[in-house]
PDB file of N, CA and C in Angstrom:
ATOM      1  N   UNK A   1     -23.967 -14.080 118.213  1.00  0.00           N
ATOM      2  CA  UNK A   1     -23.827 -12.676 117.910  1.00  0.00           C
ATOM      3  C   UNK A   1     -22.639 -12.066 118.640  1.00  0.00           C
ATOM      4  N   UNK A   2     -22.239 -12.624 119.770  1.00  0.00           N
ATOM      5  CA  UNK A   2     -21.104 -12.086 120.519  1.00  0.00           C
ATOM      6  C   UNK A   2     -19.847 -12.060 119.665  1.00  0.00           C
ATOM      7  N   UNK A   3     -19.622 -13.084 118.872  1.00  0.00           N
ATOM      8  CA  UNK A   3     -18.442 -13.130 117.998  1.00  0.00           C
ATOM      9  C   UNK A   3     -18.472 -11.990 116.984  1.00  0.00           C
ATOM     10  N   UNK A   4     -19.645 -11.675 116.464  1.00  0.00           N
ATOM     11  CA  UNK A   4     -19.760 -10.573 115.512  1.00  0.00           C
ATOM     12  C   UNK A   4     -19.412  -9.245 116.167  1.00  0.00           C
ATOM     13  N   UNK A   5     -19.863  -9.023 117.385  1.00  0.00           N
ATOM     14  CA  UNK A   5     -19.587  -7.772 118.086  1.00  0.00           C
ATOM     15  C   UNK A   5     -18.102  -7.603 118.379  1.00  0.00           C
ATOM     16  N   UNK A   6     -17.366  -8.711 118.474  1.00  0.00           N
ATOM     17  CA  UNK A   6     -15.924  -8.625 118.689  1.00  0.00           C
ATOM     18  C   UNK A   6     -15.220  -8.007 117.483  1.00  0.00           C
ATOM     19  N   UNK A   7     -15.857  -8.009 116.338  1.00  0.00           N
ATOM     20  CA  UNK A   7     -15.277  -7.447 115.113  1.00  0.00           C
ATOM     21  C   UNK A   7     -15.439  -5.927 115.029  1.00  0.00           C
ATOM     22  N   UNK A   8     -16.301  -5.357 115.870  1.00  0.00           N
ATOM     23  CA  UNK A   8     -16.523  -3.908 115.858  1.00  0.00           C
ATOM     24  C   UNK A   8     -15.344  -3.227 116.535  1.00  0.00           C
ATOM     25  N   UNK A   9     -14.736  -2.264 115.826  1.00  0.00           N
ATOM     26  CA  UNK A   9     -13.532  -1.622 116.330  1.00  0.00           C
ATOM     27  C   UNK A   9     -13.800  -0.748 117.553  1.00  0.00           C
ATOM     28  N   UNK A  10     -14.839   0.062 117.526  1.00  0.00           N
ATOM     29  CA  UNK A  10     -15.036   0.977 118.635  1.00  0.00           C
ATOM     30  C   UNK A  10     -16.501   1.154 119.047  1.00  0.00           C
ATOM     31  N   UNK A  11     -17.357   1.528 118.109  1.00  0.00           N
ATOM     32  CA  UNK A  11     -18.732   1.862 118.472  1.00  0.00           C
ATOM     33  C   UNK A  11     -19.704   1.472 117.364  1.00  0.00           C
ATOM     34  N   UNK A  12     -20.966   1.476 117.724  1.00  0.00           N
ATOM     35  CA  UNK A  12     -22.038   1.145 116.791  1.00  0.00           C
ATOM     36  C   UNK A  12     -23.061   2.274 116.845  1.00  0.00           C
ATOM     37  N   UNK A  13     -23.393   2.868 115.696  1.00  0.00           N
ATOM     38  CA  UNK A  13     -24.370   3.955 115.644  1.00  0.00           C
ATOM     39  C   UNK A  13     -25.732   3.434 115.208  1.00  0.00           C
ATOM     40  N   UNK A  14     -26.762   3.977 115.842  1.00  0.00           N
ATOM     41  CA  UNK A  14     -28.143   3.684 115.475  1.00  0.00           C
ATOM     42  C   UNK A  14     -28.807   5.023 115.182  1.00  0.00           C
ATOM     43  N   UNK A  15     -29.318   5.178 113.968  1.00  0.00           N
ATOM     44  CA  UNK A  15     -29.998   6.424 113.603  1.00  0.00           C
ATOM     45  C   UNK A  15     -31.453   6.113 113.300  1.00  0.00           C
ATOM     46  N   UNK A  16     -32.342   6.934 113.868  1.00  0.00           N
ATOM     47  CA  UNK A  16     -33.768   6.701 113.695  1.00  0.00           C
ATOM     48  C   UNK A  16     -34.546   7.989 113.906  1.00  0.00           C
ATOM     49  N   UNK A  17     -35.824   7.944 113.607  1.00  0.00           N
ATOM     50  CA  UNK A  17     -36.733   9.054 113.895  1.00  0.00           C
ATOM     51  C   UNK A  17     -37.685   8.563 114.967  1.00  0.00           C
ATOM     52  N   UNK A  18     -37.736   9.275 116.084  1.00  0.00           N
ATOM     53  CA  UNK A  18     -38.588   8.889 117.211  1.00  0.00           C
ATOM     54  C   UNK A  18     -39.748   9.871 117.318  1.00  0.00           C
ATOM     55  N   UNK A  19     -40.950   9.357 117.341  1.00  0.00           N
ATOM     56  CA  UNK A  19     -42.136  10.189 117.525  1.00  0.00           C
ATOM     57  C   UNK A  19     -42.198  10.578 118.999  1.00  0.00           C
ATOM     58  N   UNK A  20     -42.170  11.895 119.255  1.00  0.00           N
ATOM     59  CA  UNK A  20     -42.162  12.388 120.632  1.00  0.00           C
ATOM     60  C   UNK A  20     -42.657  13.832 120.649  1.00  0.00           C
ATOM     61  N   UNK A  21     -42.907  14.351 121.853  1.00  0.00           N
ATOM     62  CA  UNK A  21     -43.440  15.707 121.998  1.00  0.00           C
ATOM     63  C   UNK A  21     -42.371  16.769 122.233  1.00  0.00           C
ATOM     64  N   UNK A  22     -41.140  16.351 122.559  1.00  0.00           N
ATOM     65  CA  UNK A  22     -40.071  17.317 122.819  1.00  0.00           C
ATOM     66  C   UNK A  22     -38.711  16.656 122.606  1.00  0.00           C
ATOM     67  N   UNK A  23     -37.684  17.496 122.518  1.00  0.00           N
ATOM     68  CA  UNK A  23     -36.322  16.982 122.374  1.00  0.00           C
ATOM     69  C   UNK A  23     -35.923  16.161 123.602  1.00  0.00           C
ATOM     70  N   UNK A  24     -36.291  16.652 124.789  1.00  0.00           N
ATOM     71  CA  UNK A  24     -35.954  15.920 126.019  1.00  0.00           C
ATOM     72  C   UNK A  24     -36.608  14.545 126.061  1.00  0.00           C
ATOM     73  N   UNK A  25     -37.866  14.464 125.632  1.00  0.00           N
ATOM     74  CA  UNK A  25     -38.543  13.166 125.596  1.00  0.00           C
ATOM     75  C   UNK A  25     -37.841  12.238 124.602  1.00  0.00           C
ATOM     76  N   UNK A  26     -37.460  12.773 123.456  1.00  0.00           N
ATOM     77  CA  UNK A  26     -36.745  11.982 122.453  1.00  0.00           C
ATOM     78  C   UNK A  26     -35.428  11.443 122.984  1.00  0.00           C
ATOM     79  N   UNK A  27     -34.677  12.281 123.708  1.00  0.00           N
ATOM     80  CA  UNK A  27     -33.410  11.847 124.311  1.00  0.00           C
ATOM     81  C   UNK A  27     -33.634  10.675 125.257  1.00  0.00           C
ATOM     82  N   UNK A  28     -34.642  10.821 126.116  1.00  0.00           N
ATOM     83  CA  UNK A  28     -34.930   9.759 127.082  1.00  0.00           C
ATOM     84  C   UNK A  28     -35.318   8.453 126.410  1.00  0.00           C
ATOM     85  N   UNK A  29     -36.156   8.542 125.395  1.00  0.00           N
ATOM     86  CA  UNK A  29     -36.586   7.346 124.666  1.00  0.00           C
ATOM     87  C   UNK A  29     -35.395   6.684 123.982  1.00  0.00           C
ATOM     88  N   UNK A  30     -34.543   7.488 123.344  1.00  0.00           N
ATOM     89  CA  UNK A  30     -33.393   6.934 122.624  1.00  0.00           C
ATOM     90  C   UNK A  30     -32.426   6.221 123.564  1.00  0.00           C
ATOM     91  N   UNK A  31     -32.133   6.824 124.704  1.00  0.00           N
ATOM     92  CA  UNK A  31     -31.207   6.186 125.647  1.00  0.00           C
ATOM     93  C   UNK A  31     -31.812   4.917 126.244  1.00  0.00           C
ATOM     94  N   UNK A  32     -33.111   4.943 126.521  1.00  0.00           N
ATOM     95  CA  UNK A  32     -33.795   3.744 127.018  1.00  0.00           C
ATOM     96  C   UNK A  32     -33.789   2.644 125.959  1.00  0.00           C
ATOM     97  N   UNK A  33     -33.992   3.027 124.697  1.00  0.00           N
ATOM     98  CA  UNK A  33     -33.966   2.070 123.595  1.00  0.00           C
ATOM     99  C   UNK A  33     -32.602   1.379 123.521  1.00  0.00           C
ATOM    100  N   UNK A  34     -31.520   2.154 123.651  1.00  0.00           N
ATOM    101  CA  UNK A  34     -30.177   1.576 123.581  1.00  0.00           C
ATOM    102  C   UNK A  34     -29.959   0.578 124.723  1.00  0.00           C
ATOM    103  N   UNK A  35     -30.442   0.914 125.920  1.00  0.00           N
ATOM    104  CA  UNK A  35     -30.328  -0.025 127.047  1.00  0.00           C
ATOM    105  C   UNK A  35     -31.133  -1.288 126.780  1.00  0.00           C
ATOM    106  N   UNK A  36     -32.334  -1.134 126.215  1.00  0.00           N
ATOM    107  CA  UNK A  36     -33.172  -2.294 125.886  1.00  0.00           C
ATOM    108  C   UNK A  36     -32.529  -3.179 124.831  1.00  0.00           C
ATOM    109  N   UNK A  37     -31.703  -2.590 123.967  1.00  0.00           N
ATOM    110  CA  UNK A  37     -30.975  -3.361 122.954  1.00  0.00           C
ATOM    111  C   UNK A  37     -29.723  -4.028 123.530  1.00  0.00           C
ATOM    112  N   UNK A  38     -29.436  -3.757 124.803  1.00  0.00           N
ATOM    113  CA  UNK A  38     -28.307  -4.406 125.467  1.00  0.00           C
ATOM    114  C   UNK A  38     -27.033  -3.580 125.518  1.00  0.00           C
ATOM    115  N   UNK A  39     -27.120  -2.291 125.194  1.00  0.00           N
ATOM    116  CA  UNK A  39     -25.943  -1.424 125.212  1.00  0.00           C
ATOM    117  C   UNK A  39     -25.967  -0.552 126.458  1.00  0.00           C
ATOM    118  N   UNK A  40     -25.041  -0.809 127.382  1.00  0.00           N
ATOM    119  CA  UNK A  40     -24.999  -0.050 128.631  1.00  0.00           C
ATOM    120  C   UNK A  40     -24.257   1.274 128.492  1.00  0.00           C
ATOM    121  N   UNK A  41     -23.319   1.351 127.565  1.00  0.00           N
ATOM    122  CA  UNK A  41     -22.495   2.547 127.385  1.00  0.00           C
ATOM    123  C   UNK A  41     -22.905   3.232 126.083  1.00  0.00           C
ATOM    124  N   UNK A  42     -23.830   4.192 126.176  1.00  0.00           N
ATOM    125  CA  UNK A  42     -24.351   4.850 124.972  1.00  0.00           C
ATOM    126  C   UNK A  42     -24.466   6.355 125.195  1.00  0.00           C
ATOM    127  N   UNK A  43     -24.283   7.096 124.113  1.00  0.00           N
ATOM    128  CA  UNK A  43     -24.442   8.552 124.101  1.00  0.00           C
ATOM    129  C   UNK A  43     -25.288   8.934 122.898  1.00  0.00           C
ATOM    130  N   UNK A  44     -25.837  10.135 122.953  1.00  0.00           N
ATOM    131  CA  UNK A  44     -26.501  10.688 121.781  1.00  0.00           C
ATOM    132  C   UNK A  44     -25.518  11.631 121.105  1.00  0.00           C
ATOM    133  N   UNK A  45     -25.253  11.399 119.833  1.00  0.00           N
ATOM    134  CA  UNK A  45     -24.291  12.229 119.112  1.00  0.00           C
ATOM    135  C   UNK A  45     -24.984  13.229 118.183  1.00  0.00           C
ATOM    136  N   UNK A  46     -26.281  13.071 117.976  1.00  0.00           N
ATOM    137  CA  UNK A  46     -27.036  14.016 117.153  1.00  0.00           C
ATOM    138  C   UNK A  46     -28.504  13.928 117.526  1.00  0.00           C
ATOM    139  N   UNK A  47     -29.135  15.087 117.652  1.00  0.00           N
ATOM    140  CA  UNK A  47     -30.587  15.127 117.847  1.00  0.00           C
ATOM    141  C   UNK A  47     -31.123  16.410 117.215  1.00  0.00           C
ATOM    142  N   UNK A  48     -32.219  16.258 116.469  1.00  0.00           N
ATOM    143  CA  UNK A  48     -32.873  17.404 115.838  1.00  0.00           C
ATOM    144  C   UNK A  48     -34.376  17.200 115.961  1.00  0.00           C
ATOM    145  N   UNK A  49     -35.003  18.041 116.768  1.00  0.00           N
ATOM    146  CA  UNK A  49     -36.448  17.957 116.946  1.00  0.00           C
ATOM    147  C   UNK A  49     -37.132  18.704 115.803  1.00  0.00           C
ATOM    148  N   UNK A  50     -37.933  17.973 115.022  1.00  0.00           N
ATOM    149  CA  UNK A  50     -38.645  18.572 113.889  1.00  0.00           C
ATOM    150  C   UNK A  50     -40.026  17.933 113.761  1.00  0.00           C
ATOM    151  N   UNK A  51     -41.031  18.766 113.616  1.00  0.00           N
ATOM    152  CA  UNK A  51     -42.386  18.261 113.378  1.00  0.00           C
ATOM    153  C   UNK A  51     -42.866  17.305 114.452  1.00  0.00           C
ATOM    154  N   UNK A  52     -43.168  16.070 114.058  1.00  0.00           N
ATOM    155  CA  UNK A  52     -43.768  15.117 114.996  1.00  0.00           C
ATOM    156  C   UNK A  52     -42.779  14.377 115.894  1.00  0.00           C
ATOM    157  N   UNK A  53     -41.503  14.736 115.836  1.00  0.00           N
ATOM    158  CA  UNK A  53     -40.549  14.004 116.667  1.00  0.00           C
ATOM    159  C   UNK A  53     -39.125  14.459 116.481  1.00  0.00           C
ATOM    160  N   UNK A  54     -38.205  13.537 116.694  1.00  0.00           N
ATOM    161  CA  UNK A  54     -36.783  13.878 116.669  1.00  0.00           C
ATOM    162  C   UNK A  54     -35.985  12.874 115.850  1.00  0.00           C
ATOM    163  N   UNK A  55     -35.115  13.404 115.008  1.00  0.00           N
ATOM    164  CA  UNK A  55     -34.125  12.589 114.292  1.00  0.00           C
ATOM    165  C   UNK A  55     -32.967  12.435 115.265  1.00  0.00           C
ATOM    166  N   UNK A  56     -32.603  11.197 115.570  1.00  0.00           N
ATOM    167  CA  UNK A  56     -31.602  10.924 116.605  1.00  0.00           C
ATOM    168  C   UNK A  56     -30.563   9.941 116.100  1.00  0.00           C
ATOM    169  N   UNK A  57     -29.302  10.215 116.438  1.00  0.00           N
ATOM    170  CA  UNK A  57     -28.223   9.245 116.219  1.00  0.00           C
ATOM    171  C   UNK A  57     -27.645   8.917 117.592  1.00  0.00           C
ATOM    172  N   UNK A  58     -27.785   7.666 117.977  1.00  0.00           N
ATOM    173  CA  UNK A  58     -27.253   7.184 119.252  1.00  0.00           C
ATOM    174  C   UNK A  58     -26.021   6.333 118.967  1.00  0.00           C
ATOM    175  N   UNK A  59     -25.042   6.431 119.835  1.00  0.00           N
ATOM    176  CA  UNK A  59     -23.802   5.670 119.657  1.00  0.00           C
ATOM    177  C   UNK A  59     -23.589   4.766 120.870  1.00  0.00           C
ATOM    178  N   UNK A  60     -23.470   3.471 120.594  1.00  0.00           N
ATOM    179  CA  UNK A  60     -23.165   2.482 121.635  1.00  0.00           C
ATOM    180  C   UNK A  60     -21.674   2.178 121.557  1.00  0.00           C
ATOM    181  N   UNK A  61     -20.980   2.426 122.645  1.00  0.00           N
ATOM    182  CA  UNK A  61     -19.540   2.170 122.676  1.00  0.00           C
ATOM    183  C   UNK A  61     -19.293   0.727 123.100  1.00  0.00           C
ATOM    184  N   UNK A  62     -18.691  -0.040 122.210  1.00  0.00           N
ATOM    185  CA  UNK A  62     -18.327  -1.414 122.524  1.00  0.00           C
ATOM    186  C   UNK A  62     -16.916  -1.460 123.089  1.00  0.00           C
ATOM    187  N   UNK A  63     -16.075  -0.535 122.633  1.00  0.00           N
ATOM    188  CA  UNK A  63     -14.696  -0.432 123.115  1.00  0.00           C
ATOM    189  C   UNK A  63     -14.338   1.040 123.248  1.00  0.00           C
ATOM    190  N   UNK A  64     -13.938   1.447 124.427  1.00  0.00           N
ATOM    191  CA  UNK A  64     -13.421   2.801 124.650  1.00  0.00           C
ATOM    192  C   UNK A  64     -11.903   2.734 124.583  1.00  0.00           C
ATOM    193  N   UNK A  65     -11.274   3.882 124.486  1.00  0.00           N
ATOM    194  CA  UNK A  65      -9.807   3.927 124.438  1.00  0.00           C
ATOM    195  C   UNK A  65      -9.214   3.187 125.630  1.00  0.00           C
ATOM    196  N   UNK A  66      -8.273   2.309 125.345  1.00  0.00           N
ATOM    197  CA  UNK A  66      -7.609   1.555 126.399  1.00  0.00           C
ATOM    198  C   UNK A  66      -8.283   0.251 126.772  1.00  0.00           C
ATOM    199  N   UNK A  67      -9.442  -0.031 126.187  1.00  0.00           N
ATOM    200  CA  UNK A  67     -10.126  -1.300 126.453  1.00  0.00           C
ATOM    201  C   UNK A  67      -9.357  -2.461 125.831  1.00  0.00           C
ATOM    202  N   UNK A  68      -9.727  -3.669 126.234  1.00  0.00           N
ATOM    203  CA  UNK A  68      -9.211  -4.878 125.575  1.00  0.00           C
ATOM    204  C   UNK A  68     -10.054  -5.078 124.319  1.00  0.00           C
ATOM    205  N   UNK A  69      -9.462  -4.810 123.173  1.00  0.00           N
ATOM    206  CA  UNK A  69     -10.194  -4.857 121.915  1.00  0.00           C
ATOM    207  C   UNK A  69     -10.378  -6.295 121.449  1.00  0.00           C
ATOM    208  N   UNK A  70     -11.638  -6.725 121.304  1.00  0.00           N
ATOM    209  CA  UNK A  70     -11.929  -8.078 120.848  1.00  0.00           C
ATOM    210  C   UNK A  70     -11.383  -8.360 119.466  1.00  0.00           C
ATOM    211  N   UNK A  71     -11.473  -7.385 118.567  1.00  0.00           N
ATOM    212  CA  UNK A  71     -11.002  -7.573 117.195  1.00  0.00           C
ATOM    213  C   UNK A  71      -9.496  -7.745 117.133  1.00  0.00           C
ATOM    214  N   UNK A  72      -8.772  -7.135 118.054  1.00  0.00           N
ATOM    215  CA  UNK A  72      -7.320  -7.244 118.060  1.00  0.00           C
ATOM    216  C   UNK A  72      -6.885  -8.629 118.531  1.00  0.00           C
ATOM    217  N   UNK A  73      -7.499  -9.093 119.598  1.00  0.00           N
ATOM    218  CA  UNK A  73      -7.090 -10.373 120.166  1.00  0.00           C
ATOM    219  C   UNK A  73      -7.601 -11.564 119.367  1.00  0.00           C
ATOM    220  N   UNK A  74      -8.773 -11.444 118.738  1.00  0.00           N
ATOM    221  CA  UNK A  74      -9.276 -12.572 117.948  1.00  0.00           C
ATOM    222  C   UNK A  74      -8.415 -12.794 116.707  1.00  0.00           C
ATOM    223  N   UNK A  75      -7.861 -11.722 116.124  1.00  0.00           N
ATOM    224  CA  UNK A  75      -7.006 -11.900 114.943  1.00  0.00           C
ATOM    225  C   UNK A  75      -5.663 -12.509 115.325  1.00  0.00           C
ATOM    226  N   UNK A  76      -5.194 -12.248 116.517  1.00  0.00           N
ATOM    227  CA  UNK A  76      -3.935 -12.844 116.980  1.00  0.00           C
ATOM    228  C   UNK A  76      -4.094 -14.325 117.294  1.00  0.00           C
ATOM    229  N   UNK A  77      -5.331 -14.706 117.618  1.00  0.00           N
ATOM    230  CA  UNK A  77      -5.591 -16.096 117.985  1.00  0.00           C
ATOM    231  C   UNK A  77      -6.046 -16.918 116.787  1.00  0.00           C
ATOM    232  N   UNK A  78      -5.807 -16.416 115.593  1.00  0.00           N
ATOM    233  CA  UNK A  78      -6.152 -17.172 114.395  1.00  0.00           C
ATOM    234  C   UNK A  78      -7.541 -16.919 113.870  1.00  0.00           C
ATOM    235  N   UNK A  79      -8.229 -15.864 114.372  1.00  0.00           N
ATOM    236  CA  UNK A  79      -9.560 -15.538 113.863  1.00  0.00           C
ATOM    237  C   UNK A  79      -9.482 -14.991 112.458  1.00  0.00           C
ATOM    238  N   UNK A  80     -10.577 -15.105 111.725  1.00  0.00           N
ATOM    239  CA  UNK A  80     -10.607 -14.610 110.339  1.00  0.00           C
ATOM    240  C   UNK A  80     -11.400 -13.339 110.246  1.00  0.00           C
TER     241      UNK A  80
END
């Protein structure tokens, strides 16, 4: 799977509905979920608390500006 992640240009978004009692609880659950998925650098880019929970879009940054981009170097080394 590491090779696949090298193809991601910048970030990966995960959108879901989390059952929770408040927006703050939803934020905490979403950020913990991203860490459990192996993403250390994550932000919430959208949250809307409605009814039984929150609609959340979390963004995991694989490459920030100025990083060594895996997709750039793999294509130079003959990657497809």
